[in-house]
């Protein structure tokens, strides 16, 4: 009987997390495509103003990394040798850590038993649920911002 409960929980988690993962993957692919296009346009814009007979090759500077945005503006990268983590990477690490702790505490509660381990499991599950709710509200806000920006660009 308990295997069906566990299987049901796994299916529900999959139903919740799979659409979020697919949406994030699609957004990342779209962002990479936009970045490549932006880089190409930035390179082409530097070539304007040259004579038709001038056949020089435009190479990017190798002294520092540049982050090229869609607007064409560039921002210098972090000065440390280790790149800064993006917000998405931090959220992914936090979610992975919470899921790992949840699985380990569940395994400990099942194998060892005891009321204290089950109370700890419930608290960890509540933390995980709160974090997932937080991620969901962030995703909704980001979607609203993208929608508003799209409407502004059309107007």
N, C-alpha and C. Protein backbone atom coordinates (compact mmCIF):
# COMPACT_ATOMS: atom_id res chain seq x y z
N UNK A 1 0.83 -1.19 0.00
CA UNK A 1 0.00 0.00 0.00
C UNK A 1 0.86 1.25 0.00
N UNK A 2 1.96 1.27 0.80
CA UNK A 2 2.79 2.48 0.89
C UNK A 2 3.55 2.74 -0.41
N UNK A 3 3.84 1.70 -1.19
CA UNK A 3 4.53 1.91 -2.47
C UNK A 3 3.66 2.70 -3.42
N UNK A 4 2.33 2.51 -3.35
CA UNK A 4 1.43 3.28 -4.21
C UNK A 4 1.39 4.74 -3.80
N UNK A 5 1.49 5.01 -2.53
CA UNK A 5 1.51 6.40 -2.05
C UNK A 5 2.79 7.09 -2.53
N UNK A 6 3.90 6.39 -2.38
CA UNK A 6 5.19 6.96 -2.83
C UNK A 6 5.19 7.16 -4.33
N UNK A 7 4.67 6.20 -5.07
CA UNK A 7 4.59 6.32 -6.52
C UNK A 7 3.69 7.49 -6.91
N UNK A 8 2.59 7.66 -6.20
CA UNK A 8 1.70 8.79 -6.47
C UNK A 8 2.38 10.13 -6.21
N UNK A 9 3.18 10.20 -5.13
CA UNK A 9 3.92 11.43 -4.85
C UNK A 9 4.95 11.73 -5.93
N UNK A 10 5.64 10.71 -6.40
CA UNK A 10 6.62 10.90 -7.47
C UNK A 10 5.94 11.40 -8.74
N UNK A 11 4.81 10.84 -9.08
CA UNK A 11 4.08 11.27 -10.28
C UNK A 11 3.61 12.71 -10.12
N UNK A 12 3.13 13.09 -8.95
CA UNK A 12 2.68 14.47 -8.73
C UNK A 12 3.86 15.44 -8.81
N UNK A 13 5.01 15.07 -8.23
CA UNK A 13 6.19 15.93 -8.33
C UNK A 13 6.61 16.08 -9.79
N UNK A 14 6.57 14.99 -10.53
CA UNK A 14 6.92 15.06 -11.95
C UNK A 14 5.96 15.96 -12.73
N UNK A 15 4.68 15.86 -12.41
CA UNK A 15 3.69 16.70 -13.08
C UNK A 15 3.90 18.18 -12.75
N UNK A 16 4.43 18.47 -11.59
CA UNK A 16 4.68 19.85 -11.19
C UNK A 16 5.99 20.38 -11.77
N UNK A 17 7.04 19.60 -11.69
CA UNK A 17 8.37 20.09 -12.07
C UNK A 17 8.67 19.98 -13.56
N UNK A 18 8.12 19.02 -14.25
CA UNK A 18 8.43 18.84 -15.66
C UNK A 18 8.03 20.05 -16.51
N UNK A 19 6.81 20.60 -16.40
CA UNK A 19 6.48 21.78 -17.21
C UNK A 19 7.39 22.98 -16.90
N UNK A 20 7.76 23.16 -15.62
CA UNK A 20 8.64 24.26 -15.27
C UNK A 20 10.01 24.06 -15.91
N UNK A 21 10.53 22.84 -15.89
CA UNK A 21 11.83 22.57 -16.48
C UNK A 21 11.79 22.78 -17.99
N UNK A 22 10.73 22.31 -18.66
CA UNK A 22 10.62 22.49 -20.11
C UNK A 22 10.53 23.96 -20.48
N UNK A 23 9.77 24.74 -19.72
CA UNK A 23 9.64 26.17 -19.99
C UNK A 23 10.99 26.87 -19.82
N UNK A 24 11.72 26.52 -18.77
CA UNK A 24 13.03 27.12 -18.52
C UNK A 24 14.00 26.74 -19.65
N UNK A 25 13.94 25.49 -20.10
CA UNK A 25 14.81 25.05 -21.19
C UNK A 25 14.50 25.83 -22.47
N UNK A 26 13.23 26.03 -22.79
CA UNK A 26 12.85 26.80 -23.97
C UNK A 26 13.31 28.24 -23.86
N UNK A 27 13.17 28.84 -22.68
CA UNK A 27 13.61 30.22 -22.47
C UNK A 27 15.12 30.34 -22.64
N UNK A 28 15.87 29.35 -22.16
CA UNK A 28 17.32 29.38 -22.29
C UNK A 28 17.73 29.27 -23.76
N UNK A 29 17.06 28.39 -24.52
CA UNK A 29 17.36 28.26 -25.95
C UNK A 29 17.08 29.57 -26.68
N UNK A 30 15.97 30.20 -26.35
CA UNK A 30 15.60 31.46 -26.98
C UNK A 30 16.62 32.55 -26.64
N UNK A 31 17.05 32.59 -25.40
CA UNK A 31 18.03 33.60 -24.98
C UNK A 31 19.36 33.39 -25.69
N UNK A 32 19.79 32.14 -25.84
CA UNK A 32 21.04 31.87 -26.55
C UNK A 32 20.95 32.30 -28.00
N UNK A 33 19.80 32.06 -28.62
CA UNK A 33 19.60 32.46 -30.01
C UNK A 33 19.66 33.98 -30.15
N UNK A 34 19.03 34.67 -29.23
CA UNK A 34 19.04 36.14 -29.25
C UNK A 34 20.45 36.65 -29.02
N UNK A 35 21.20 36.02 -28.11
CA UNK A 35 22.58 36.44 -27.86
C UNK A 35 23.46 36.26 -29.09
N UNK A 36 23.31 35.14 -29.78
CA UNK A 36 24.10 34.91 -30.99
C UNK A 36 23.77 35.95 -32.05
N UNK A 37 22.48 36.23 -32.23
CA UNK A 37 22.06 37.23 -33.20
C UNK A 37 22.60 38.61 -32.83
N UNK A 38 22.52 38.94 -31.54
CA UNK A 38 23.00 40.23 -31.07
C UNK A 38 24.50 40.37 -31.30
N UNK A 39 25.25 39.33 -31.03
CA UNK A 39 26.69 39.36 -31.25
C UNK A 39 27.00 39.55 -32.74
N UNK A 40 26.27 38.87 -33.59
CA UNK A 40 26.49 39.01 -35.02
C UNK A 40 26.17 40.43 -35.48
N UNK A 41 25.08 41.00 -34.99
CA UNK A 41 24.71 42.36 -35.38
C UNK A 41 25.72 43.38 -34.84
N UNK A 42 26.23 43.13 -33.65
CA UNK A 42 27.23 44.04 -33.07
C UNK A 42 28.51 44.01 -33.90
N UNK A 43 28.90 42.83 -34.34
CA UNK A 43 30.08 42.70 -35.19
C UNK A 43 29.87 43.42 -36.51
N UNK A 44 28.70 43.25 -37.10
CA UNK A 44 28.41 43.92 -38.36
C UNK A 44 28.35 45.44 -38.20
N UNK A 45 27.84 45.90 -37.08
CA UNK A 45 27.73 47.35 -36.89
C UNK A 45 29.10 47.99 -36.77
N UNK A 46 30.10 47.27 -36.28
CA UNK A 46 31.46 47.81 -36.19
C UNK A 46 32.10 47.90 -37.56
N UNK A 47 31.59 47.20 -38.53
CA UNK A 47 32.18 47.19 -39.87
C UNK A 47 31.69 48.36 -40.71
N UNK A 48 30.62 49.04 -40.31
CA UNK A 48 30.10 50.16 -41.09
C UNK A 48 31.12 51.28 -41.12
N UNK A 49 31.09 52.07 -42.19
CA UNK A 49 31.99 53.20 -42.30
C UNK A 49 33.32 52.85 -42.91
N UNK A 50 33.57 51.64 -43.25
CA UNK A 50 34.82 51.24 -43.89
C UNK A 50 34.63 51.29 -45.40
N UNK A 51 35.69 51.44 -46.06
CA UNK A 51 35.63 51.48 -47.52
C UNK A 51 35.29 50.12 -48.09
N UNK A 52 34.80 50.11 -49.32
CA UNK A 52 34.42 48.85 -49.96
C UNK A 52 35.62 47.98 -50.27
N UNK A 53 36.81 48.61 -50.49
CA UNK A 53 38.00 47.84 -50.81
C UNK A 53 38.74 47.35 -49.56
N UNK A 54 38.37 47.88 -48.40
CA UNK A 54 39.04 47.48 -47.16
C UNK A 54 38.52 46.11 -46.74
N UNK A 55 39.40 45.13 -46.68
CA UNK A 55 38.99 43.75 -46.36
C UNK A 55 39.66 43.28 -45.07
N UNK A 56 39.50 44.07 -44.04
CA UNK A 56 40.11 43.67 -42.77
C UNK A 56 39.15 42.76 -42.00
N UNK A 57 39.72 41.98 -41.15
CA UNK A 57 38.94 41.04 -40.34
C UNK A 57 38.72 41.68 -38.97
N UNK A 58 37.48 41.66 -38.50
CA UNK A 58 37.16 42.22 -37.20
C UNK A 58 37.20 41.09 -36.19
N UNK A 59 38.12 41.23 -35.21
CA UNK A 59 38.26 40.23 -34.17
C UNK A 59 37.90 40.86 -32.83
N UNK A 60 37.21 40.14 -31.97
CA UNK A 60 36.89 40.70 -30.65
C UNK A 60 38.14 40.80 -29.80
N UNK A 61 38.13 41.74 -28.86
CA UNK A 61 39.24 41.88 -27.93
C UNK A 61 39.29 40.67 -27.01
N UNK A 62 40.46 40.15 -26.76
CA UNK A 62 40.61 38.96 -25.93
C UNK A 62 41.04 39.29 -24.51
N UNK A 63 41.19 40.58 -24.19
CA UNK A 63 41.69 40.94 -22.87
C UNK A 63 40.65 40.73 -21.78
N UNK A 64 39.38 40.92 -22.07
CA UNK A 64 38.32 40.72 -21.07
C UNK A 64 37.06 40.23 -21.77
N UNK A 65 36.24 39.54 -21.02
CA UNK A 65 34.99 39.03 -21.57
C UNK A 65 33.95 40.14 -21.58
N UNK A 66 33.16 40.19 -22.64
CA UNK A 66 32.10 41.18 -22.74
C UNK A 66 30.77 40.47 -22.84
N UNK A 67 29.78 41.03 -22.20
CA UNK A 67 28.42 40.49 -22.25
C UNK A 67 27.62 41.42 -23.15
N UNK A 68 27.25 40.95 -24.34
CA UNK A 68 26.54 41.77 -25.31
C UNK A 68 25.06 41.54 -25.15
N UNK A 69 24.32 42.63 -25.01
CA UNK A 69 22.88 42.55 -24.84
C UNK A 69 22.19 42.85 -26.16
N UNK A 70 20.88 42.64 -26.20
CA UNK A 70 20.11 42.87 -27.42
C UNK A 70 20.19 44.33 -27.84
N UNK A 71 20.28 45.24 -26.89
CA UNK A 71 20.33 46.65 -27.21
C UNK A 71 21.65 47.04 -27.86
N UNK A 72 22.63 46.17 -27.80
CA UNK A 72 23.93 46.46 -28.38
C UNK A 72 24.92 46.95 -27.34
N UNK A 73 24.43 47.30 -26.17
CA UNK A 73 25.31 47.77 -25.11
C UNK A 73 26.10 46.59 -24.56
N UNK A 74 27.29 46.86 -24.11
CA UNK A 74 28.09 45.78 -23.53
C UNK A 74 28.50 46.17 -22.13
N UNK A 75 28.55 45.17 -21.27
CA UNK A 75 28.93 45.38 -19.89
C UNK A 75 30.14 44.51 -19.59
N UNK A 76 31.12 45.05 -18.87
CA UNK A 76 32.28 44.21 -18.55
C UNK A 76 31.89 43.08 -17.62
N UNK A 77 32.57 41.98 -17.77
CA UNK A 77 32.28 40.81 -16.94
C UNK A 77 32.87 41.03 -15.55
N UNK A 78 32.55 40.13 -14.65
CA UNK A 78 33.07 40.22 -13.28
C UNK A 78 34.59 40.15 -13.30
N UNK A 79 35.21 40.85 -12.37
CA UNK A 79 36.66 40.93 -12.36
C UNK A 79 37.30 39.70 -11.73
N UNK A 80 36.55 38.92 -10.97
CA UNK A 80 37.14 37.75 -10.34
C UNK A 80 37.38 36.66 -11.39
N UNK A 81 38.29 35.75 -11.05
CA UNK A 81 38.60 34.67 -11.99
C UNK A 81 37.45 33.66 -12.07
N UNK A 82 36.65 33.57 -11.02
CA UNK A 82 35.51 32.66 -10.99
C UNK A 82 34.25 33.44 -11.36
N UNK A 83 33.55 33.03 -12.41
CA UNK A 83 32.37 33.80 -12.82
C UNK A 83 31.27 33.75 -11.77
N UNK A 84 30.53 34.84 -11.68
CA UNK A 84 29.43 34.91 -10.73
C UNK A 84 28.29 34.00 -11.18
N UNK A 85 27.61 33.42 -10.22
CA UNK A 85 26.47 32.56 -10.53
C UNK A 85 25.27 33.41 -10.90
N UNK A 86 24.54 32.98 -11.89
CA UNK A 86 23.32 33.68 -12.24
C UNK A 86 22.22 33.29 -11.26
N UNK A 87 21.15 34.05 -11.30
CA UNK A 87 20.04 33.76 -10.40
C UNK A 87 19.45 32.37 -10.69
N UNK A 88 19.38 32.01 -11.95
CA UNK A 88 18.84 30.70 -12.31
C UNK A 88 19.72 29.57 -11.77
N UNK A 89 21.03 29.76 -11.81
CA UNK A 89 21.93 28.74 -11.28
C UNK A 89 21.79 28.62 -9.77
N UNK A 90 21.63 29.76 -9.09
CA UNK A 90 21.44 29.72 -7.63
C UNK A 90 20.14 29.03 -7.27
N UNK A 91 19.07 29.34 -8.01
CA UNK A 91 17.77 28.69 -7.73
C UNK A 91 17.86 27.19 -7.99
N UNK A 92 18.54 26.81 -9.07
CA UNK A 92 18.67 25.39 -9.41
C UNK A 92 19.45 24.64 -8.32
N UNK A 93 20.53 25.27 -7.83
CA UNK A 93 21.31 24.64 -6.77
C UNK A 93 20.50 24.52 -5.49
N UNK A 94 19.77 25.56 -5.15
CA UNK A 94 18.96 25.51 -3.92
C UNK A 94 17.89 24.44 -4.03
N UNK A 95 17.23 24.35 -5.19
CA UNK A 95 16.19 23.34 -5.38
C UNK A 95 16.79 21.94 -5.32
N UNK A 96 17.94 21.75 -5.94
CA UNK A 96 18.59 20.44 -5.91
C UNK A 96 18.97 20.06 -4.48
N UNK A 97 19.49 21.03 -3.73
CA UNK A 97 19.86 20.75 -2.34
C UNK A 97 18.63 20.40 -1.51
N UNK A 98 17.55 21.16 -1.67
CA UNK A 98 16.33 20.86 -0.92
C UNK A 98 15.77 19.49 -1.28
N UNK A 99 15.78 19.16 -2.57
CA UNK A 99 15.29 17.84 -2.98
C UNK A 99 16.17 16.74 -2.41
N UNK A 100 17.47 16.93 -2.42
CA UNK A 100 18.38 15.93 -1.85
C UNK A 100 18.16 15.74 -0.37
N UNK A 101 18.01 16.85 0.35
CA UNK A 101 17.75 16.75 1.79
C UNK A 101 16.42 16.07 2.06
N UNK A 102 15.42 16.38 1.24
CA UNK A 102 14.10 15.75 1.40
C UNK A 102 14.19 14.25 1.20
N UNK A 103 14.89 13.83 0.16
CA UNK A 103 15.00 12.40 -0.13
C UNK A 103 15.79 11.68 0.97
N UNK A 104 16.90 12.29 1.41
CA UNK A 104 17.69 11.67 2.47
C UNK A 104 16.93 11.58 3.78
N UNK A 105 16.21 12.64 4.14
CA UNK A 105 15.46 12.60 5.41
C UNK A 105 14.31 11.61 5.33
N UNK A 106 13.70 11.48 4.16
CA UNK A 106 12.63 10.50 4.00
C UNK A 106 13.19 9.08 4.16
N UNK A 107 14.33 8.85 3.51
CA UNK A 107 14.96 7.54 3.64
C UNK A 107 15.33 7.23 5.09
N UNK A 108 15.85 8.22 5.80
CA UNK A 108 16.21 8.02 7.20
C UNK A 108 14.96 7.75 8.04
N UNK A 109 13.89 8.49 7.76
CA UNK A 109 12.66 8.30 8.54
C UNK A 109 12.07 6.92 8.29
N UNK A 110 12.15 6.44 7.06
CA UNK A 110 11.60 5.12 6.75
C UNK A 110 12.47 4.01 7.36
N UNK A 111 13.79 4.14 7.21
CA UNK A 111 14.68 3.09 7.68
C UNK A 111 14.81 3.06 9.20
N UNK A 112 14.98 4.22 9.81
CA UNK A 112 15.21 4.27 11.25
C UNK A 112 13.90 4.38 12.01
N UNK A 113 12.99 5.18 11.48
CA UNK A 113 11.71 5.39 12.16
C UNK A 113 11.86 6.40 13.28
N UNK A 114 10.84 6.57 14.04
CA UNK A 114 10.88 7.50 15.15
C UNK A 114 10.13 8.78 14.82
N UNK A 115 9.52 9.33 15.84
CA UNK A 115 8.69 10.52 15.65
C UNK A 115 9.52 11.74 15.29
N UNK A 116 10.72 11.84 15.83
CA UNK A 116 11.55 13.02 15.58
C UNK A 116 11.94 13.11 14.10
N UNK A 117 12.28 11.99 13.49
CA UNK A 117 12.65 12.00 12.08
C UNK A 117 11.45 12.34 11.19
N UNK A 118 10.26 11.88 11.57
CA UNK A 118 9.07 12.21 10.78
C UNK A 118 8.71 13.68 10.93
N UNK A 119 8.89 14.25 12.11
CA UNK A 119 8.65 15.69 12.29
C UNK A 119 9.64 16.48 11.44
N UNK A 120 10.91 16.06 11.45
CA UNK A 120 11.92 16.72 10.62
C UNK A 120 11.55 16.60 9.14
N UNK A 121 11.04 15.46 8.74
CA UNK A 121 10.64 15.26 7.35
C UNK A 121 9.52 16.22 6.97
N UNK A 122 8.55 16.37 7.84
CA UNK A 122 7.44 17.29 7.57
C UNK A 122 7.95 18.73 7.45
N UNK A 123 8.86 19.13 8.32
CA UNK A 123 9.42 20.49 8.26
C UNK A 123 10.20 20.71 6.96
N UNK A 124 10.98 19.73 6.58
CA UNK A 124 11.75 19.84 5.34
C UNK A 124 10.80 19.90 4.14
N UNK A 125 9.74 19.10 4.16
CA UNK A 125 8.75 19.14 3.09
C UNK A 125 8.08 20.50 3.00
N UNK A 126 7.80 21.10 4.16
CA UNK A 126 7.19 22.45 4.17
C UNK A 126 8.15 23.48 3.58
N UNK A 127 9.44 23.36 3.90
CA UNK A 127 10.43 24.27 3.31
C UNK A 127 10.49 24.11 1.80
N UNK A 128 10.47 22.88 1.34
CA UNK A 128 10.51 22.62 -0.10
C UNK A 128 9.26 23.18 -0.78
N UNK A 129 8.10 22.97 -0.18
CA UNK A 129 6.86 23.49 -0.76
C UNK A 129 6.87 25.02 -0.80
N UNK A 130 7.37 25.64 0.25
CA UNK A 130 7.45 27.11 0.27
C UNK A 130 8.40 27.62 -0.81
N UNK A 131 9.54 26.94 -0.99
CA UNK A 131 10.49 27.36 -2.01
C UNK A 131 9.90 27.19 -3.41
N UNK A 132 9.18 26.09 -3.64
CA UNK A 132 8.53 25.90 -4.93
C UNK A 132 7.46 26.96 -5.18
N UNK A 133 6.71 27.33 -4.15
CA UNK A 133 5.72 28.40 -4.30
C UNK A 133 6.40 29.72 -4.63
N UNK A 134 7.53 29.98 -3.99
CA UNK A 134 8.30 31.19 -4.27
C UNK A 134 8.79 31.20 -5.72
N UNK A 135 9.31 30.06 -6.20
CA UNK A 135 9.76 29.97 -7.58
C UNK A 135 8.61 30.18 -8.56
N UNK A 136 7.46 29.66 -8.21
CA UNK A 136 6.30 29.82 -9.09
C UNK A 136 5.87 31.28 -9.19
N UNK A 137 5.86 32.01 -8.07
CA UNK A 137 5.50 33.42 -8.12
C UNK A 137 6.54 34.22 -8.89
N UNK A 138 7.82 33.86 -8.76
CA UNK A 138 8.85 34.54 -9.55
C UNK A 138 8.65 34.29 -11.04
N UNK A 139 8.30 33.09 -11.41
CA UNK A 139 8.06 32.77 -12.82
C UNK A 139 6.87 33.55 -13.36
N UNK A 140 5.82 33.68 -12.56
CA UNK A 140 4.66 34.45 -13.00
C UNK A 140 5.00 35.92 -13.18
N UNK A 141 5.78 36.48 -12.25
CA UNK A 141 6.18 37.89 -12.36
C UNK A 141 7.05 38.11 -13.60
N UNK A 142 7.96 37.19 -13.85
CA UNK A 142 8.82 37.31 -15.03
C UNK A 142 8.00 37.24 -16.32
N UNK A 143 7.01 36.37 -16.34
CA UNK A 143 6.14 36.27 -17.52
C UNK A 143 5.35 37.55 -17.71
N UNK A 144 4.87 38.14 -16.61
CA UNK A 144 4.14 39.40 -16.72
C UNK A 144 5.05 40.52 -17.22
N UNK A 145 6.31 40.56 -16.74
CA UNK A 145 7.25 41.57 -17.21
C UNK A 145 7.55 41.40 -18.68
N UNK A 146 7.73 40.16 -19.14
CA UNK A 146 7.98 39.92 -20.57
C UNK A 146 6.79 40.34 -21.40
N UNK A 147 5.59 40.03 -20.91
CA UNK A 147 4.37 40.40 -21.63
C UNK A 147 4.24 41.92 -21.72
N UNK A 148 4.53 42.60 -20.62
CA UNK A 148 4.44 44.07 -20.61
C UNK A 148 5.49 44.68 -21.54
N UNK A 149 6.70 44.12 -21.53
CA UNK A 149 7.75 44.63 -22.42
C UNK A 149 7.38 44.40 -23.88
N UNK A 150 6.78 43.26 -24.16
CA UNK A 150 6.36 42.96 -25.54
C UNK A 150 5.28 43.94 -25.98
N UNK A 151 4.34 44.26 -25.08
CA UNK A 151 3.29 45.21 -25.43
C UNK A 151 3.84 46.62 -25.61
N UNK A 152 4.83 47.00 -24.80
CA UNK A 152 5.45 48.31 -24.96
C UNK A 152 6.20 48.42 -26.28
N UNK A 153 6.86 47.34 -26.68
CA UNK A 153 7.63 47.39 -27.93
C UNK A 153 6.69 47.47 -29.14
N UNK A 154 5.51 46.94 -29.02
CA UNK A 154 4.55 47.02 -30.13
C UNK A 154 3.92 48.39 -30.23
N UNK A 155 3.81 49.08 -29.11
CA UNK A 155 3.15 50.40 -29.11
C UNK A 155 4.06 51.49 -29.62
